[in-house]
Each structure stands twice: as structure tokens, then as C-alpha cells.
């Protein structure tokens, strides 16, 4: 029983962390692609 509680606690802390990293990656990708488009636009 205690083991289960410990596991669920670890899971509760780890899951949002990975979720956050995942979203940061996506946001950074979007931001980078927008920046590149902006640079291309300036060059033309």
C-alpha cells in the first residue's frame, strides 16, 4: 500500500514535468519557425 502511494506521488511529479518539457519543445519549434519566416521576409 505504501509502495503504491510512493509510486503515485512520483508519477504525479514526473508526469507534469515531462508534459511541460514536451510543450516547451513544441512552443520553441513554433517560435523558431516564425522567426525564420520573419528573417526571410526581411531579406526579400
Protein backbone atom coordinates (compact mmCIF):
# COMPACT_ATOMS: atom_id res chain seq x y z
CA UNK A 1 0.00 0.00 0.00
CA UNK A 2 2.75 2.45 0.96
CA UNK A 3 4.63 1.48 -2.16
CA UNK A 4 1.59 2.36 -4.25
CA UNK A 5 1.32 5.78 -2.62
CA UNK A 6 5.00 6.45 -3.25
CA UNK A 7 4.65 5.43 -6.88
CA UNK A 8 1.62 7.62 -7.42
CA UNK A 9 3.43 10.56 -5.83
CA UNK A 10 6.45 10.07 -8.07
CA UNK A 11 4.16 9.76 -11.08
CA UNK A 12 2.29 12.93 -10.13
CA UNK A 13 5.53 14.88 -10.01
CA UNK A 14 7.20 13.36 -13.05
CA UNK A 15 4.27 13.44 -15.45
CA UNK A 16 3.70 17.25 -15.40
CA UNK A 17 7.45 17.73 -15.74
CA UNK A 18 7.62 15.68 -18.93
CA UNK A 19 4.40 17.23 -20.18
CA UNK A 20 5.92 20.67 -19.61
CA UNK A 21 9.13 19.76 -21.46
CA UNK A 22 7.05 18.42 -24.34
CA UNK A 23 5.04 21.62 -24.67
CA UNK A 24 8.13 23.78 -24.36
CA UNK A 25 9.65 21.88 -27.28
CA UNK A 26 6.55 22.48 -29.41
CA UNK A 27 6.34 26.15 -28.47
CA UNK A 28 10.03 26.65 -29.19
CA UNK A 29 9.61 24.97 -32.59
CA UNK A 30 6.72 27.25 -33.49
CA UNK A 31 8.60 30.29 -32.27
CA UNK A 32 11.70 29.34 -34.27
CA UNK A 33 9.76 28.77 -37.47
CA UNK A 34 8.08 32.16 -37.08
CA UNK A 35 11.45 33.78 -36.55
CA UNK A 36 12.86 32.16 -39.69
CA UNK A 37 9.90 33.36 -41.73
CA UNK A 38 10.45 36.85 -40.38
CA UNK A 39 14.13 36.77 -41.35
CA UNK A 40 13.26 35.54 -44.85
CA UNK A 41 10.71 38.30 -45.17
CA UNK A 42 13.32 40.91 -44.23
CA UNK A 43 15.82 39.55 -46.74
CA UNK A 44 13.45 39.85 -49.70
